[in-house]
Amino acid sequence: MASSSTSNHAECVGILSLENVIQTAKTSVLLKSLDENLKYIKINAEKVVKDRKQNLEEIQNQRQQICDEIKKVRNKINAHLDGLEQLIHQDLYSAEEKVKAQIEDLLRKLAEHTENIDILQTNMSAIKEYASDLQAFLGSKMIETEIKKHEILMQSLFEDGSSQKINLNYNIEDKLSDVLSTVTSFGSISVESSSPLVVLQTENDKQAQIITIHHASPTTTNINDINMTLENKFGFTGVRGCSFSSTGDICLLGYEQQRLLILNKDGTLKNFISLSNSYPLDVTCIDDKTVAVTFSNQIPIINILTKSIESTIKTTSNCFGICYRDGHLLYCNTGLGIQKVNVLDNCSSTLVKDETLTNWSFITTSKDKIFYTNSSHHTVTCCSLTGEKMWEYKDQLVRSPRGISIDKDSNVYIASSGNDSIIVLSSDGKHARKLLGKEDGINNPFGLEFDVKNEKIIVANVSGPILYGRC
């Protein structure tokens, strides 16, 4: 039976024998694929380990930052209470001095009054002993008149309240008492999670990238369908940076005027803040009340409601373009690359090492990617959130690119200052076209920001910023 079965299998067509299969096992596609998968698993594990260790360091720094903030608040409260105590002491001293002056003035009058009484008593004694009957009569009448005056004076002391007892009293402010009874906590501690910065890499991703290279991008039609129309021109010259808040307000950064302008949706001036440092470069909104502004070697975080600087981040070299994402500021550091800094603890790290990065380079983020321009090298680069380069665009269409922003479809908008135009680039970096030019009002553009919610774009022209709407 066994020999007959073996003989029958040998005659089967299309079936390889086990001996033939194992001869090519070491060079098979499966083994190569398994080897690649192991390599990517190891790479991903190393990425996660690096990211988690960095997260631990950030948590430690955040704890210290929170402790410092608590101490700062405590010191502010102490300083405020010290100030209130000093004021109440001044009021107490003033009240005492006022009462003291009143009583001393009364004592002076009473001393004069007593002195006059003594004189009258002396005169009375002299009249009794030495005066004639006529002199006694006349003298008594004069003394009687003086006594009436002194009686009236004494009576007035009781009628006008001069003789009333005076006390100093103190009533504690109700709100201070409320603090002691109602404030039961210095604050609250919470743990928040945000999108991971690690992007897992697999063999399938690599195959997908290869497939993408050989097929037309599905976003090509999208960028060809994009059109913008002019909605508003603003009469502020010298603007370099611009940003939209989540409420639709527009922030403009005056380079030469050294000021931050906040405009309403309709373009009317809502507020402005004078900046003490020279030549601000770019601005990004952190939330509805705070913005970050780049200068040559520092980034102050400004509260636009109180017009005060909440904190300042020092940079190692010139910093230009800046954007905000998930509790971190990302900014272009000349000669170094893209830096990432935590806004809570100011912990900084290099996200993308690019020693070729030059002045007036800008940055933006969208979904799981980072996009930045290199003005002197005429390039637009796309990286993952972990800093891995995904693609780079360079073409005559883009010259001296500066401001950069993203729409909801991840199409990239670039302020091409070298040819006075706005270029729209597909999300894969393969297709581009001129969207706006000189004929549309573009003139030496610097910053650029796309309002995803309202589908509007603000361009910081040197001659004055312009707002365009999608049509």
Protein backbone atom coordinates (compact mmCIF):
# COMPACT_ATOMS: atom_id res chain seq x y z
CA MET A 1 0.00 0.00 0.00
CA ALA A 2 2.75 2.48 1.00
CA SER A 3 4.85 1.94 -2.11
CA SER A 4 1.81 2.21 -4.31
CA SER A 5 0.83 5.56 -2.67
CA THR A 6 4.32 6.95 -3.06
CA SER A 7 4.40 5.93 -6.66
CA ASN A 8 1.06 7.60 -7.32
CA HIS A 9 2.18 10.91 -5.68
CA ALA A 10 5.33 11.00 -7.77
CA GLU A 11 3.12 11.02 -10.85
CA CYS A 12 1.08 14.03 -9.57
CA VAL A 13 1.40 17.12 -11.75
CA GLY A 14 2.07 20.64 -10.28
CA ILE A 15 3.07 19.41 -6.83
CA LEU A 16 6.66 20.00 -5.69
CA SER A 17 8.33 17.42 -3.60
CA LEU A 18 9.47 18.37 -0.07
CA GLU A 19 13.09 17.88 -1.15
CA ASN A 20 12.69 20.52 -3.89
CA VAL A 21 10.97 22.98 -1.53
CA ILE A 22 13.58 22.86 1.22
CA GLN A 23 16.44 23.27 -1.24
CA THR A 24 15.41 26.92 -1.84
CA ALA A 25 14.22 27.66 1.72
CA LYS A 26 17.23 29.86 2.61
CA THR A 27 16.72 32.06 -0.44
CA SER A 28 12.91 32.09 -0.45
CA VAL A 29 10.79 35.23 -0.50
CA LEU A 30 9.15 34.11 2.77
CA LEU A 31 12.46 33.97 4.64
CA LYS A 32 13.44 37.36 3.26
CA SER A 33 10.06 38.79 4.27
CA LEU A 34 10.39 37.32 7.77
CA ASP A 35 13.84 38.84 8.07
CA GLU A 36 12.50 42.25 7.03
CA ASN A 37 9.61 41.96 9.49
CA LEU A 38 12.01 41.16 12.33
CA LYS A 39 14.11 44.17 11.37
CA TYR A 40 11.10 46.49 11.42
CA ILE A 41 9.86 45.04 14.72
CA LYS A 42 13.25 45.77 16.25
CA ILE A 43 13.30 49.30 14.77
CA ASN A 44 9.79 49.96 16.10
CA ALA A 45 10.72 48.62 19.53
CA GLU A 46 13.77 50.90 19.64
CA LYS A 47 11.58 53.84 18.64
CA VAL A 48 9.07 53.10 21.39
CA VAL A 49 11.84 52.67 23.99
CA LYS A 50 13.40 55.98 22.97
CA ASP A 51 10.03 57.71 22.98
CA ARG A 52 8.99 56.30 26.39
CA LYS A 53 12.34 57.24 27.96
CA GLN A 54 11.95 60.75 26.61
CA ASN A 55 8.38 60.81 27.95
CA LEU A 56 9.69 59.83 31.40
CA GLU A 57 12.15 62.70 31.31
CA GLU A 58 9.37 65.05 30.25
CA ILE A 59 7.15 63.84 33.12
CA GLN A 60 9.95 64.49 35.61
CA ASN A 61 10.47 67.94 34.16
CA GLN A 62 6.71 68.55 34.20
CA ARG A 63 6.56 67.58 37.89
CA GLN A 64 9.30 70.07 38.67
CA GLN A 65 7.60 72.67 36.51
CA ILE A 66 4.29 72.14 38.34
CA CYS A 67 6.09 72.41 41.71
CA ASP A 68 7.68 75.65 40.53
CA GLU A 69 4.28 76.92 39.38
CA ILE A 70 2.72 76.05 42.75
CA LYS A 71 5.55 77.84 44.52
CA LYS A 72 5.18 80.79 42.17
CA VAL A 73 1.44 81.01 42.90
CA ARG A 74 2.13 80.69 46.64
CA ASN A 75 4.72 83.48 46.43
CA LYS A 76 2.26 85.64 44.50
CA ILE A 77 -0.42 85.01 47.14
CA ASN A 78 2.07 85.78 49.92
CA ALA A 79 3.22 88.94 48.15
CA HIS A 80 -0.39 89.98 47.59
CA LEU A 81 -1.27 89.37 51.25
CA ASP A 82 1.88 91.20 52.35
CA GLY A 83 0.78 94.13 50.21
CA LEU A 84 -2.73 94.04 51.69
CA GLU A 85 -1.26 93.85 55.19
CA GLN A 86 0.95 96.85 54.48
CA LEU A 87 -2.06 98.81 53.21
CA ILE A 88 -4.17 97.97 56.27
CA HIS A 89 -1.27 98.98 58.52
CA GLN A 90 -1.08 102.29 56.67
CA ASP A 91 -4.85 102.78 57.13
CA LEU A 92 -4.51 101.91 60.82
CA TYR A 93 -1.66 104.37 61.29
CA SER A 94 -3.58 107.09 59.41
CA ALA A 95 -6.68 106.51 61.55
CA GLU A 96 -4.60 106.67 64.72
CA GLU A 97 -2.86 109.86 63.63
CA LYS A 98 -6.17 111.48 62.77
CA VAL A 99 -7.71 110.62 66.14
CA LYS A 100 -4.52 111.56 67.93
CA ALA A 101 -4.53 114.97 66.23
CA GLN A 102 -8.16 115.56 67.22
CA ILE A 103 -7.60 114.64 70.87
CA GLU A 104 -4.35 116.65 71.12
CA ASP A 105 -6.10 119.69 69.66
CA LEU A 106 -8.85 119.32 72.27
CA LEU A 107 -6.29 118.93 75.06
CA ARG A 108 -4.58 122.13 73.89
CA LYS A 109 -7.89 124.03 74.05
CA LEU A 110 -8.66 122.59 77.50
CA ALA A 111 -5.21 123.59 78.72
CA GLU A 112 -5.87 127.17 77.61
CA HIS A 113 -9.32 126.98 79.20
CA THR A 114 -7.87 125.75 82.52
CA GLU A 115 -5.24 128.48 82.45
CA ASN A 116 -7.97 131.12 82.02
CA ILE A 117 -10.00 129.59 84.87
CA ASP A 118 -6.96 129.81 87.11
CA ILE A 119 -6.61 133.51 86.25
CA LEU A 120 -10.30 134.10 87.01
CA GLN A 121 -9.93 132.32 90.35
CA THR A 122 -6.94 134.53 91.17
CA ASN A 123 -8.94 137.65 90.26
CA MET A 124 -11.82 136.50 92.45
CA SER A 125 -9.50 136.12 95.43
CA ALA A 126 -8.07 139.61 94.83
CA ILE A 127 -11.54 141.15 94.62
CA LYS A 128 -12.60 139.57 97.89
CA GLU A 129 -9.49 140.77 99.70
CA TYR A 130 -8.63 144.16 98.26
CA ALA A 131 -11.45 145.60 96.09
CA SER A 132 -13.89 148.33 97.16
CA ASP A 133 -17.60 147.71 96.95
CA LEU A 134 -17.81 149.36 93.51
CA GLN A 135 -14.76 147.46 92.24
CA ALA A 136 -16.20 144.23 93.60
CA PHE A 137 -19.49 144.88 91.78
CA LEU A 138 -17.86 145.69 88.45
CA GLY A 139 -15.28 142.93 88.72
CA SER A 140 -17.93 140.33 89.55
CA LYS A 141 -19.90 141.28 86.41
CA MET A 142 -16.82 140.87 84.20
CA ILE A 143 -15.91 137.54 85.80
CA GLU A 144 -19.53 136.40 85.41
CA THR A 145 -19.34 137.09 81.66
CA GLU A 146 -16.11 135.10 81.32
CA ILE A 147 -17.50 132.22 83.33
CA LYS A 148 -20.53 132.02 80.98
CA LYS A 149 -18.11 131.72 78.01
CA HIS A 150 -16.23 128.88 79.67
CA GLU A 151 -19.47 127.12 80.62
CA ILE A 152 -20.60 127.32 76.97
CA LEU A 153 -17.24 125.89 75.88
CA MET A 154 -17.53 122.98 78.29
CA GLN A 155 -21.11 122.33 77.22
CA SER A 156 -20.07 122.28 73.55
CA LEU A 157 -17.57 119.50 74.27
CA PHE A 158 -20.45 117.20 75.08
CA GLU A 159 -22.77 118.45 72.38
CA ASP A 160 -20.31 118.17 69.44
CA GLY A 161 -18.98 114.75 70.50
CA SER A 162 -15.50 115.96 71.36
CA SER A 163 -15.70 114.27 74.72
CA GLN A 164 -16.86 110.91 73.34
CA LYS A 165 -14.61 107.89 73.77
CA ILE A 166 -12.88 106.90 70.54
CA ASN A 167 -11.97 103.29 69.69
CA LEU A 168 -10.07 101.75 66.73
CA ASN A 169 -11.80 98.65 65.33
CA TYR A 170 -10.88 96.11 62.60
CA ASN A 171 -13.19 94.02 60.41
CA ILE A 172 -11.59 91.27 58.30
CA GLU A 173 -12.57 91.25 54.62
CA ASP A 174 -15.30 88.67 54.02
CA LYS A 175 -13.54 87.26 50.96
CA LEU A 176 -10.42 86.55 53.03
CA SER A 177 -12.54 84.63 55.50
CA ASP A 178 -14.11 82.77 52.59
CA VAL A 179 -10.65 81.67 51.42
CA LEU A 180 -10.03 80.06 54.79
CA SER A 181 -13.35 78.23 54.73
CA THR A 182 -14.15 77.55 51.07
CA VAL A 183 -10.76 77.03 49.35
CA THR A 184 -9.88 73.44 50.25
CA SER A 185 -7.37 72.69 47.50
CA PHE A 186 -4.40 74.40 45.88
CA GLY A 187 -5.44 72.94 42.53
CA SER A 188 -5.83 69.58 40.83
CA ILE A 189 -3.46 67.19 39.09
CA SER A 190 -4.61 65.29 36.01
CA VAL A 191 -3.00 62.90 33.57
CA GLU A 192 -3.69 63.54 29.90
CA SER A 193 -2.89 61.46 26.84
CA SER A 194 -2.24 62.80 23.36
CA SER A 195 -1.52 61.30 19.97
CA PRO A 196 1.68 59.22 19.96
CA LEU A 197 4.68 60.74 18.23
CA VAL A 198 5.98 57.30 17.21
CA VAL A 199 4.95 56.09 13.75
CA LEU A 200 5.29 52.34 13.34
CA GLN A 201 7.05 51.23 10.18
CA THR A 202 6.23 47.92 8.48
CA GLU A 203 7.14 46.09 5.35
CA ASN A 204 3.61 46.74 4.07
CA ASP A 205 4.19 50.49 4.45
CA LYS A 206 7.28 50.19 2.32
CA GLN A 207 5.36 48.28 -0.34
CA ALA A 208 2.62 50.91 -0.22
CA GLN A 209 5.17 53.66 -0.80
CA ILE A 210 6.55 51.77 -3.79
CA ILE A 211 3.03 51.38 -5.20
CA THR A 212 2.34 55.09 -4.67
CA ILE A 213 5.40 56.00 -6.70
CA HIS A 214 4.09 54.14 -9.72
CA HIS A 215 0.52 55.43 -9.57
CA ALA A 216 -0.93 58.89 -10.10
CA SER A 217 -1.72 60.69 -6.86
CA PRO A 218 -5.43 60.89 -6.05
CA THR A 219 -4.92 64.48 -4.80
CA THR A 220 -3.87 65.78 -8.22
CA THR A 221 -7.44 66.60 -9.13
CA ASN A 222 -7.95 68.21 -5.74
CA ILE A 223 -5.23 70.83 -6.15
CA ASN A 224 -6.43 71.60 -9.68
CA ASP A 225 -9.89 72.29 -8.28
CA ILE A 226 -8.64 74.70 -5.60
CA ASN A 227 -9.34 78.36 -6.27
CA MET A 228 -9.09 81.37 -3.96
CA THR A 229 -10.67 84.81 -4.16
CA LEU A 230 -9.61 88.04 -2.42
CA GLU A 231 -11.81 88.89 0.58
CA ASN A 232 -9.99 91.61 2.49
CA LYS A 233 -6.87 93.76 2.43
CA PHE A 234 -5.44 95.04 5.70
CA GLY A 235 -3.67 98.38 6.00
CA PHE A 236 -0.76 97.17 8.11
CA THR A 237 2.63 97.19 6.42
CA GLY A 238 5.74 95.29 7.48
CA VAL A 239 3.85 92.20 8.69
CA ARG A 240 5.99 89.04 8.75
CA GLY A 241 4.05 86.43 10.73
CA CYS A 242 0.35 85.54 10.90
CA SER A 243 -1.89 83.00 12.60
CA PHE A 244 -5.55 82.11 13.15
CA SER A 245 -6.98 81.41 16.60
CA SER A 246 -9.52 78.64 17.15
CA THR A 247 -12.25 81.33 17.28
CA GLY A 248 -11.25 82.75 13.88
CA ASP A 249 -9.42 85.85 15.17
CA ILE A 250 -6.37 86.86 13.13
CA CYS A 251 -2.97 87.51 14.73
CA LEU A 252 -0.54 89.66 12.73
CA LEU A 253 3.08 90.30 13.68
CA GLY A 254 4.53 93.72 12.84
CA TYR A 255 8.25 93.25 12.17
CA GLU A 256 9.44 96.86 12.11
CA GLN A 257 6.67 98.27 14.33
CA GLN A 258 7.44 95.56 16.92
CA ARG A 259 3.84 94.86 17.78
CA LEU A 260 1.28 92.06 17.79
CA LEU A 261 -2.11 92.88 16.27
CA ILE A 262 -5.27 90.88 17.03
CA LEU A 263 -8.08 91.36 14.50
CA ASN A 264 -11.70 90.26 14.62
CA LYS A 265 -13.07 87.95 11.92
CA ASP A 266 -14.24 90.97 9.94
CA GLY A 267 -10.75 92.49 9.99
CA THR A 268 -11.40 95.24 12.55
CA LEU A 269 -8.73 95.81 15.17
CA LYS A 270 -9.57 94.00 18.41
CA ASN A 271 -6.38 94.56 20.39
CA PHE A 272 -2.67 95.19 20.00
CA ILE A 273 0.40 94.50 22.13
CA SER A 274 3.67 96.41 21.94
CA LEU A 275 6.66 94.05 21.98
CA SER A 276 9.76 95.11 23.89
CA ASN A 277 12.20 92.95 21.93
CA SER A 278 13.42 93.96 18.48
CA TYR A 279 12.10 92.49 15.23
CA PRO A 280 9.60 89.70 15.94
CA LEU A 281 9.65 87.00 13.25
CA ASP A 282 6.69 84.61 13.47
CA VAL A 283 3.66 83.88 15.66
CA THR A 284 1.48 80.87 16.46
CA CYS A 285 -1.64 80.56 18.60
CA ILE A 286 -1.40 78.11 21.52
CA ASP A 287 -4.98 78.64 22.69
CA ASP A 288 -7.57 81.44 22.79
CA LYS A 289 -5.56 83.48 25.27
CA THR A 290 -1.87 82.72 24.61
CA VAL A 291 0.46 82.97 21.62
CA ALA A 292 4.14 82.23 21.05
CA VAL A 293 6.33 84.72 19.17
CA THR A 294 9.79 84.00 17.78
CA PHE A 295 12.67 86.45 18.04
CA SER A 296 16.31 85.91 17.09
CA ASN A 297 17.20 83.84 20.16
CA GLN A 298 14.07 83.49 22.29
CA ILE A 299 10.37 82.62 22.24
CA PRO A 300 8.17 84.47 24.72
CA ILE A 301 4.72 83.02 25.44
CA ILE A 302 2.33 85.97 25.69
CA ASN A 303 -1.09 86.22 27.32
CA ILE A 304 -3.04 88.40 24.88
CA LEU A 305 -5.73 89.15 27.49
CA THR A 306 -3.38 90.55 30.15
CA LYS A 307 -0.70 91.61 27.61
CA SER A 308 1.93 89.96 29.81
CA ILE A 309 4.70 87.43 29.16
CA GLU A 310 3.93 84.15 30.93
CA SER A 311 7.28 82.48 30.18
CA THR A 312 10.27 82.73 27.84
CA ILE A 313 12.03 79.91 25.98
CA LYS A 314 15.70 80.51 25.17
CA THR A 315 16.99 79.13 21.84
CA THR A 316 20.50 78.09 20.83
CA SER A 317 20.48 79.96 17.52
CA ASN A 318 18.21 82.13 15.37
CA CYS A 319 14.65 80.82 15.33
CA PHE A 320 12.09 81.76 12.67
CA GLY A 321 8.95 79.80 11.74
CA ILE A 322 6.94 78.27 14.60
CA CYS A 323 3.80 76.17 15.11
CA TYR A 324 2.00 74.48 18.02
CA ARG A 325 0.93 70.84 18.40
CA ASP A 326 -0.24 68.78 21.40
CA GLY A 327 1.50 70.75 24.15
CA HIS A 328 4.68 71.31 22.14
CA LEU A 329 6.11 74.15 20.08
CA LEU A 330 7.97 73.20 16.90
CA TYR A 331 10.26 75.83 15.42
CA CYS A 332 12.96 76.28 12.78
CA ASN A 333 16.41 76.72 14.32
CA THR A 334 18.94 78.09 11.82
CA GLY A 335 21.84 75.70 11.21
CA LEU A 336 20.38 73.02 13.49
CA GLY A 337 16.99 71.90 12.20
CA ILE A 338 13.55 71.51 13.71
CA GLN A 339 13.39 71.84 17.49
CA LYS A 340 10.58 70.60 19.74
CA VAL A 341 9.96 72.17 23.15
CA ASN A 342 7.39 71.34 25.82
CA VAL A 343 5.45 74.48 26.77
CA LEU A 344 5.04 73.28 30.38
CA ASP A 345 8.64 72.53 31.33
CA ASN A 346 10.59 74.11 28.41
CA CYS A 347 12.26 70.73 27.82
CA SER A 348 13.75 70.93 24.30
CA SER A 349 15.02 68.35 21.81
CA THR A 350 16.02 68.17 18.15
CA LEU A 351 13.22 66.58 16.15
CA VAL A 352 14.74 66.94 12.67
CA LYS A 353 18.48 67.46 12.28
CA ASP A 354 19.05 69.74 9.29
CA GLU A 355 22.23 71.78 9.37
CA THR A 356 21.31 73.36 6.02
CA LEU A 357 18.28 75.14 7.49
CA THR A 358 18.54 78.88 6.84
CA ASN A 359 16.90 82.09 8.00
CA TRP A 360 13.23 82.72 7.15
CA SER A 361 12.33 79.04 7.13
CA PHE A 362 8.80 78.20 8.31
CA ILE A 363 7.05 75.10 9.66
CA THR A 364 3.59 73.56 10.04
CA THR A 365 2.07 70.21 11.07
CA SER A 366 -0.97 68.19 10.04
CA LYS A 367 -2.17 64.77 11.15
CA ASP A 368 1.01 62.65 11.39
CA LYS A 369 3.40 64.83 9.39
CA ILE A 370 5.67 67.87 9.68
CA PHE A 371 6.25 70.23 6.76
CA TYR A 372 8.92 72.93 6.62
CA THR A 373 10.54 75.24 4.08
CA ASN A 374 14.21 76.03 3.52
CA SER A 375 14.28 79.48 2.00
CA SER A 376 17.85 79.59 0.72
CA HIS A 377 17.79 76.03 -0.65
CA HIS A 378 14.33 76.48 -2.30
CA THR A 379 12.99 73.24 -0.79
CA VAL A 380 9.85 72.00 0.95
CA THR A 381 10.37 68.94 3.17
CA CYS A 382 7.88 66.50 4.69
CA CYS A 383 8.82 64.39 7.72
CA SER A 384 7.07 62.04 10.10
CA LEU A 385 6.41 63.19 13.67
CA THR A 386 9.53 61.30 14.71
CA GLY A 387 11.66 63.30 12.26
CA GLU A 388 12.07 60.73 9.46
CA LYS A 389 12.20 62.35 6.03
CA MET A 390 9.32 61.23 3.80
CA TRP A 391 9.76 63.46 0.73
CA GLU A 392 11.31 66.70 -0.44
CA TYR A 393 10.03 69.03 -3.17
CA LYS A 394 12.30 71.28 -5.23
CA ASP A 395 11.33 72.92 -8.50
CA GLN A 396 11.53 76.27 -10.32
CA LEU A 397 7.90 76.81 -9.38
CA VAL A 398 8.98 77.39 -5.77
CA ARG A 399 11.66 80.04 -5.17
CA SER A 400 12.77 81.18 -1.70
CA PRO A 401 9.81 79.54 0.07
CA ARG A 402 8.82 80.99 3.43
CA GLY A 403 5.40 80.59 5.03
CA ILE A 404 3.75 77.17 4.85
CA SER A 405 0.35 75.78 5.88
CA ILE A 406 -1.98 72.80 5.35
CA ASP A 407 -5.67 72.41 4.50
CA LYS A 408 -8.02 69.63 5.65
CA ASP A 409 -6.91 67.39 2.75
CA SER A 410 -3.22 67.85 3.68
CA ASN A 411 -2.57 69.92 0.56
CA VAL A 412 0.41 72.18 1.22
CA TYR A 413 0.28 75.96 0.68
CA ILE A 414 3.64 77.73 0.25
CA ALA A 415 4.56 81.42 0.17
CA SER A 416 7.05 81.52 -2.70
CA SER A 417 8.67 84.92 -2.13
CA GLY A 418 11.21 84.57 -4.95
CA ASN A 419 8.50 84.81 -7.61
CA ASP A 420 5.71 86.57 -5.66
CA SER A 421 3.28 83.66 -5.66
CA ILE A 422 1.39 81.18 -3.53
CA ILE A 423 1.94 77.56 -4.56
CA VAL A 424 -0.31 74.65 -3.66
CA LEU A 425 1.40 71.26 -3.41
CA SER A 426 -0.26 67.86 -3.21
CA SER A 427 0.06 65.97 0.06
CA ASP A 428 2.51 63.47 -1.43
CA GLY A 429 4.78 66.23 -2.73
CA LYS A 430 4.48 65.12 -6.36
CA HIS A 431 2.21 67.72 -7.92
CA ALA A 432 2.16 71.48 -7.63
CA ARG A 433 0.64 74.50 -9.29
CA LYS A 434 0.56 78.26 -8.88
CA LEU A 435 -2.53 79.30 -6.92
CA LEU A 436 -2.05 83.08 -6.53
CA GLY A 437 0.38 85.58 -8.04
CA LYS A 438 1.20 89.26 -8.44
CA GLU A 439 -2.05 89.81 -10.29
CA ASP A 440 -3.85 88.63 -7.13
CA GLY A 441 -1.95 91.00 -4.83
CA ILE A 442 0.92 88.74 -3.76
CA ASN A 443 4.01 90.87 -3.07
CA ASN A 444 7.09 89.48 -1.29
CA PRO A 445 5.11 87.17 1.03
CA PHE A 446 6.50 85.97 4.37
CA GLY A 447 4.13 84.17 6.75
CA LEU A 448 1.09 82.23 5.57
CA GLU A 449 -1.71 80.48 7.47
CA PHE A 450 -4.69 78.39 6.32
CA ASP A 451 -7.88 78.48 8.43
CA VAL A 452 -9.13 74.90 8.00
CA LYS A 453 -12.49 75.55 9.67
CA ASN A 454 -13.47 78.52 7.49
CA GLU A 455 -11.31 77.61 4.43
CA LYS A 456 -9.56 80.96 4.35
CA ILE A 457 -5.90 81.83 3.90
CA ILE A 458 -4.03 84.86 5.24
CA VAL A 459 -0.83 85.93 3.47
CA ALA A 460 1.62 88.27 5.21
CA ASN A 461 2.74 90.46 2.30
CA VAL A 462 5.33 93.13 3.08
CA SER A 463 3.01 95.72 1.54
CA GLY A 464 0.11 94.52 3.69
CA PRO A 465 -1.56 91.21 4.59
CA ILE A 466 -4.39 89.88 2.43
CA LEU A 467 -7.18 87.47 3.30
CA TYR A 468 -8.38 85.04 0.62
CA GLY A 469 -11.36 82.70 0.74
CA ARG A 470 -11.86 79.39 -1.02
CA CYS A 471 -14.37 79.49 -3.81
